[in-house]
Amino acid sequence: MARLPLNFDDQPPLPCARAQTAWQVLLRQVNGGATKAVVHDYYQQGKGFIHALDVAEVIVTTEEHVMSATLLHAWIDALERLDDAAEAVL
């Protein structure tokens, strides 16, 4: 089944431009990682970022779910891309 393309710009607004930019950069790092290890590391950083925003009560549960779903989507897309690249080499 075809997956919807990842939309980095369709994210909940964060309280400042610095946090918003950091989140956008992190999503792109997860999605563009060169190895599975790098992708996993950035994914874990993303989970920590979301958790920190939640604990600080900067985001509400709905926003946490949207951000987590987008992060997961970026992670899965990156792993699929890396698997496809590995298969193409074989």
N, C-alpha and C. Protein backbone atom coordinates (compact mmCIF):
# COMPACT_ATOMS: atom_id res chain seq x y z
N MET A 1 0.85 -1.18 0.00
CA MET A 1 0.00 0.00 0.00
C MET A 1 0.89 1.24 0.00
N ALA A 2 0.55 2.20 -0.82
CA ALA A 2 1.32 3.43 -0.89
C ALA A 2 1.10 4.28 0.36
N ARG A 3 2.20 4.83 0.84
CA ARG A 3 2.12 5.68 2.03
C ARG A 3 2.03 7.14 1.60
N LEU A 4 1.40 7.93 2.45
CA LEU A 4 1.33 9.36 2.19
C LEU A 4 2.72 9.96 2.34
N PRO A 5 3.05 10.96 1.53
CA PRO A 5 4.36 11.60 1.68
C PRO A 5 4.45 12.33 3.02
N LEU A 6 5.64 12.38 3.55
CA LEU A 6 5.88 13.04 4.83
C LEU A 6 5.83 14.55 4.65
N ASN A 7 5.06 15.22 5.49
CA ASN A 7 4.93 16.67 5.44
C ASN A 7 5.54 17.25 6.71
N PHE A 8 6.76 17.77 6.60
CA PHE A 8 7.45 18.33 7.76
C PHE A 8 6.80 19.62 8.25
N ASP A 9 6.11 20.32 7.39
CA ASP A 9 5.58 21.63 7.75
C ASP A 9 4.22 21.57 8.43
N ASP A 10 3.61 20.39 8.47
CA ASP A 10 2.29 20.25 9.06
C ASP A 10 2.42 19.78 10.51
N GLN A 11 3.07 20.61 11.32
CA GLN A 11 3.34 20.27 12.71
C GLN A 11 2.70 21.30 13.64
N PRO A 12 2.43 20.90 14.89
CA PRO A 12 1.87 21.87 15.84
C PRO A 12 2.84 23.03 16.04
N PRO A 13 2.33 24.22 16.22
CA PRO A 13 3.22 25.36 16.46
C PRO A 13 3.85 25.24 17.85
N LEU A 14 5.15 25.50 17.90
CA LEU A 14 5.86 25.51 19.18
C LEU A 14 6.01 26.95 19.64
N PRO A 15 6.32 27.18 20.91
CA PRO A 15 6.25 28.53 21.47
C PRO A 15 7.27 29.53 20.93
N CYS A 16 8.33 29.04 20.30
CA CYS A 16 9.31 29.99 19.76
C CYS A 16 9.91 29.43 18.47
N ALA A 17 10.45 30.32 17.68
CA ALA A 17 11.02 29.93 16.39
C ALA A 17 12.19 28.97 16.57
N ARG A 18 12.96 29.15 17.64
CA ARG A 18 14.12 28.29 17.87
C ARG A 18 13.68 26.82 18.09
N ALA A 19 12.65 26.62 18.88
CA ALA A 19 12.14 25.26 19.12
C ALA A 19 11.54 24.69 17.84
N GLN A 20 10.81 25.50 17.11
CA GLN A 20 10.19 25.04 15.85
C GLN A 20 11.26 24.62 14.85
N THR A 21 12.30 25.45 14.73
CA THR A 21 13.40 25.14 13.81
C THR A 21 14.13 23.88 14.24
N ALA A 22 14.37 23.73 15.54
CA ALA A 22 15.06 22.54 16.04
C ALA A 22 14.25 21.28 15.71
N TRP A 23 12.94 21.35 15.86
CA TRP A 23 12.08 20.21 15.56
C TRP A 23 12.13 19.87 14.07
N GLN A 24 12.04 20.89 13.22
CA GLN A 24 12.09 20.67 11.78
C GLN A 24 13.43 20.05 11.36
N VAL A 25 14.52 20.56 11.92
CA VAL A 25 15.85 20.04 11.61
C VAL A 25 15.95 18.58 12.06
N LEU A 26 15.47 18.29 13.25
CA LEU A 26 15.52 16.93 13.77
C LEU A 26 14.74 15.95 12.89
N LEU A 27 13.56 16.36 12.44
CA LEU A 27 12.79 15.49 11.54
C LEU A 27 13.56 15.21 10.25
N ARG A 28 14.19 16.23 9.72
CA ARG A 28 14.96 16.05 8.48
C ARG A 28 16.19 15.17 8.72
N GLN A 29 16.79 15.28 9.91
CA GLN A 29 17.94 14.43 10.22
C GLN A 29 17.51 12.97 10.34
N VAL A 30 16.37 12.72 10.97
CA VAL A 30 15.86 11.35 11.06
C VAL A 30 15.62 10.82 9.66
N ASN A 31 14.92 11.59 8.86
CA ASN A 31 14.52 11.14 7.53
C ASN A 31 15.70 10.99 6.58
N GLY A 32 16.76 11.76 6.79
CA GLY A 32 17.88 11.75 5.85
C GLY A 32 19.12 11.03 6.34
N GLY A 33 19.02 10.33 7.48
CA GLY A 33 20.18 9.65 8.03
C GLY A 33 20.83 8.71 7.03
N ALA A 34 22.18 8.65 7.08
CA ALA A 34 22.93 7.86 6.11
C ALA A 34 23.03 6.39 6.48
N THR A 35 22.84 6.07 7.75
CA THR A 35 22.90 4.69 8.20
C THR A 35 21.75 4.43 9.17
N LYS A 36 21.45 3.16 9.39
CA LYS A 36 20.39 2.83 10.35
C LYS A 36 20.76 3.31 11.75
N ALA A 37 22.03 3.23 12.10
CA ALA A 37 22.45 3.67 13.43
C ALA A 37 22.21 5.17 13.61
N VAL A 38 22.51 5.95 12.59
CA VAL A 38 22.28 7.39 12.64
C VAL A 38 20.79 7.69 12.73
N VAL A 39 20.01 6.99 11.93
CA VAL A 39 18.55 7.17 11.95
C VAL A 39 18.00 6.86 13.34
N HIS A 40 18.45 5.77 13.93
CA HIS A 40 17.98 5.39 15.27
C HIS A 40 18.38 6.44 16.31
N ASP A 41 19.61 6.94 16.22
CA ASP A 41 20.06 7.96 17.17
C ASP A 41 19.20 9.22 17.09
N TYR A 42 18.96 9.69 15.87
CA TYR A 42 18.13 10.88 15.72
C TYR A 42 16.68 10.62 16.15
N TYR A 43 16.19 9.42 15.89
CA TYR A 43 14.84 9.06 16.34
C TYR A 43 14.76 9.16 17.87
N GLN A 44 15.74 8.63 18.55
CA GLN A 44 15.75 8.69 20.02
C GLN A 44 15.85 10.14 20.51
N GLN A 45 16.64 10.95 19.83
CA GLN A 45 16.70 12.38 20.18
C GLN A 45 15.34 13.03 20.00
N GLY A 46 14.65 12.66 18.95
CA GLY A 46 13.31 13.20 18.71
C GLY A 46 12.34 12.81 19.80
N LYS A 47 12.39 11.54 20.23
CA LYS A 47 11.52 11.10 21.32
C LYS A 47 11.83 11.90 22.59
N GLY A 48 13.11 12.13 22.85
CA GLY A 48 13.49 12.92 24.02
C GLY A 48 13.02 14.36 23.91
N PHE A 49 13.10 14.93 22.72
CA PHE A 49 12.66 16.30 22.48
C PHE A 49 11.16 16.42 22.78
N ILE A 50 10.39 15.47 22.26
CA ILE A 50 8.95 15.48 22.49
C ILE A 50 8.64 15.32 23.98
N HIS A 51 9.34 14.40 24.62
CA HIS A 51 9.12 14.17 26.05
C HIS A 51 9.43 15.43 26.86
N ALA A 52 10.53 16.10 26.53
CA ALA A 52 10.90 17.33 27.24
C ALA A 52 9.82 18.40 27.08
N LEU A 53 9.29 18.55 25.87
CA LEU A 53 8.23 19.53 25.65
C LEU A 53 6.99 19.17 26.44
N ASP A 54 6.69 17.88 26.52
CA ASP A 54 5.52 17.42 27.27
C ASP A 54 5.70 17.66 28.76
N VAL A 55 6.84 17.30 29.31
CA VAL A 55 7.10 17.48 30.75
C VAL A 55 7.07 18.96 31.12
N ALA A 56 7.58 19.80 30.23
CA ALA A 56 7.58 21.24 30.48
C ALA A 56 6.21 21.87 30.23
N GLU A 57 5.25 21.05 29.82
CA GLU A 57 3.89 21.49 29.51
C GLU A 57 3.85 22.56 28.41
N VAL A 58 4.75 22.37 27.45
CA VAL A 58 4.80 23.25 26.30
C VAL A 58 3.82 22.77 25.23
N ILE A 59 3.58 21.45 25.21
CA ILE A 59 2.64 20.86 24.26
C ILE A 59 1.60 20.07 25.04
N VAL A 60 0.45 19.88 24.43
CA VAL A 60 -0.62 19.07 25.02
C VAL A 60 -0.59 17.68 24.38
N THR A 61 -1.38 16.78 24.89
CA THR A 61 -1.37 15.39 24.43
C THR A 61 -1.62 15.27 22.93
N THR A 62 -2.54 16.03 22.41
CA THR A 62 -2.84 15.97 20.97
C THR A 62 -1.61 16.35 20.15
N GLU A 63 -0.94 17.41 20.56
CA GLU A 63 0.26 17.83 19.85
C GLU A 63 1.37 16.80 19.99
N GLU A 64 1.47 16.19 21.17
CA GLU A 64 2.46 15.14 21.37
C GLU A 64 2.22 13.98 20.42
N HIS A 65 0.96 13.61 20.24
CA HIS A 65 0.63 12.50 19.35
C HIS A 65 0.95 12.84 17.89
N VAL A 66 0.66 14.05 17.48
CA VAL A 66 0.96 14.47 16.10
C VAL A 66 2.47 14.44 15.86
N MET A 67 3.21 15.00 16.81
CA MET A 67 4.67 15.04 16.67
C MET A 67 5.25 13.62 16.69
N SER A 68 4.76 12.78 17.58
CA SER A 68 5.25 11.40 17.66
C SER A 68 4.94 10.62 16.38
N ALA A 69 3.76 10.82 15.83
CA ALA A 69 3.39 10.14 14.59
C ALA A 69 4.27 10.59 13.44
N THR A 70 4.56 11.87 13.36
CA THR A 70 5.41 12.38 12.29
C THR A 70 6.84 11.85 12.44
N LEU A 71 7.32 11.82 13.67
CA LEU A 71 8.66 11.28 13.93
C LEU A 71 8.73 9.81 13.53
N LEU A 72 7.72 9.05 13.89
CA LEU A 72 7.67 7.64 13.54
C LEU A 72 7.63 7.46 12.02
N HIS A 73 6.85 8.29 11.36
CA HIS A 73 6.75 8.24 9.89
C HIS A 73 8.12 8.51 9.28
N ALA A 74 8.83 9.53 9.78
CA ALA A 74 10.16 9.85 9.26
C ALA A 74 11.12 8.69 9.48
N TRP A 75 11.03 8.05 10.65
CA TRP A 75 11.90 6.93 11.00
C TRP A 75 11.65 5.74 10.06
N ILE A 76 10.38 5.39 9.88
CA ILE A 76 10.04 4.27 9.01
C ILE A 76 10.46 4.56 7.57
N ASP A 77 10.20 5.76 7.09
CA ASP A 77 10.59 6.11 5.72
C ASP A 77 12.10 5.99 5.53
N ALA A 78 12.85 6.45 6.52
CA ALA A 78 14.31 6.39 6.42
C ALA A 78 14.79 4.94 6.40
N LEU A 79 14.24 4.10 7.27
CA LEU A 79 14.64 2.70 7.29
C LEU A 79 14.27 1.99 5.99
N GLU A 80 13.10 2.30 5.44
CA GLU A 80 12.70 1.71 4.16
C GLU A 80 13.64 2.17 3.05
N ARG A 81 14.01 3.45 3.06
CA ARG A 81 14.92 3.99 2.05
C ARG A 81 16.27 3.27 2.13
N LEU A 82 16.78 3.08 3.35
CA LEU A 82 18.07 2.42 3.52
C LEU A 82 18.00 0.94 3.11
N ASP A 83 16.88 0.29 3.44
CA ASP A 83 16.71 -1.12 3.02
C ASP A 83 16.64 -1.24 1.50
N ASP A 84 15.91 -0.32 0.87
CA ASP A 84 15.81 -0.33 -0.59
C ASP A 84 17.17 -0.10 -1.23
N ALA A 85 17.97 0.80 -0.66
CA ALA A 85 19.30 1.09 -1.19
C ALA A 85 20.20 -0.14 -1.03
N ALA A 86 20.08 -0.83 0.08
CA ALA A 86 20.89 -2.03 0.31
C ALA A 86 20.50 -3.13 -0.67
N GLU A 87 19.22 -3.29 -0.94
CA GLU A 87 18.75 -4.30 -1.89
C GLU A 87 19.20 -3.98 -3.31
N ALA A 88 19.26 -2.70 -3.64
CA ALA A 88 19.67 -2.29 -4.98
C ALA A 88 21.14 -2.63 -5.23
N VAL A 89 21.93 -2.65 -4.16
CA VAL A 89 23.35 -2.97 -4.29
C VAL A 89 23.54 -4.46 -4.54
N LEU A 90 22.65 -5.26 -3.97
CA LEU A 90 22.77 -6.72 -4.12
C LEU A 90 22.45 -7.13 -5.49
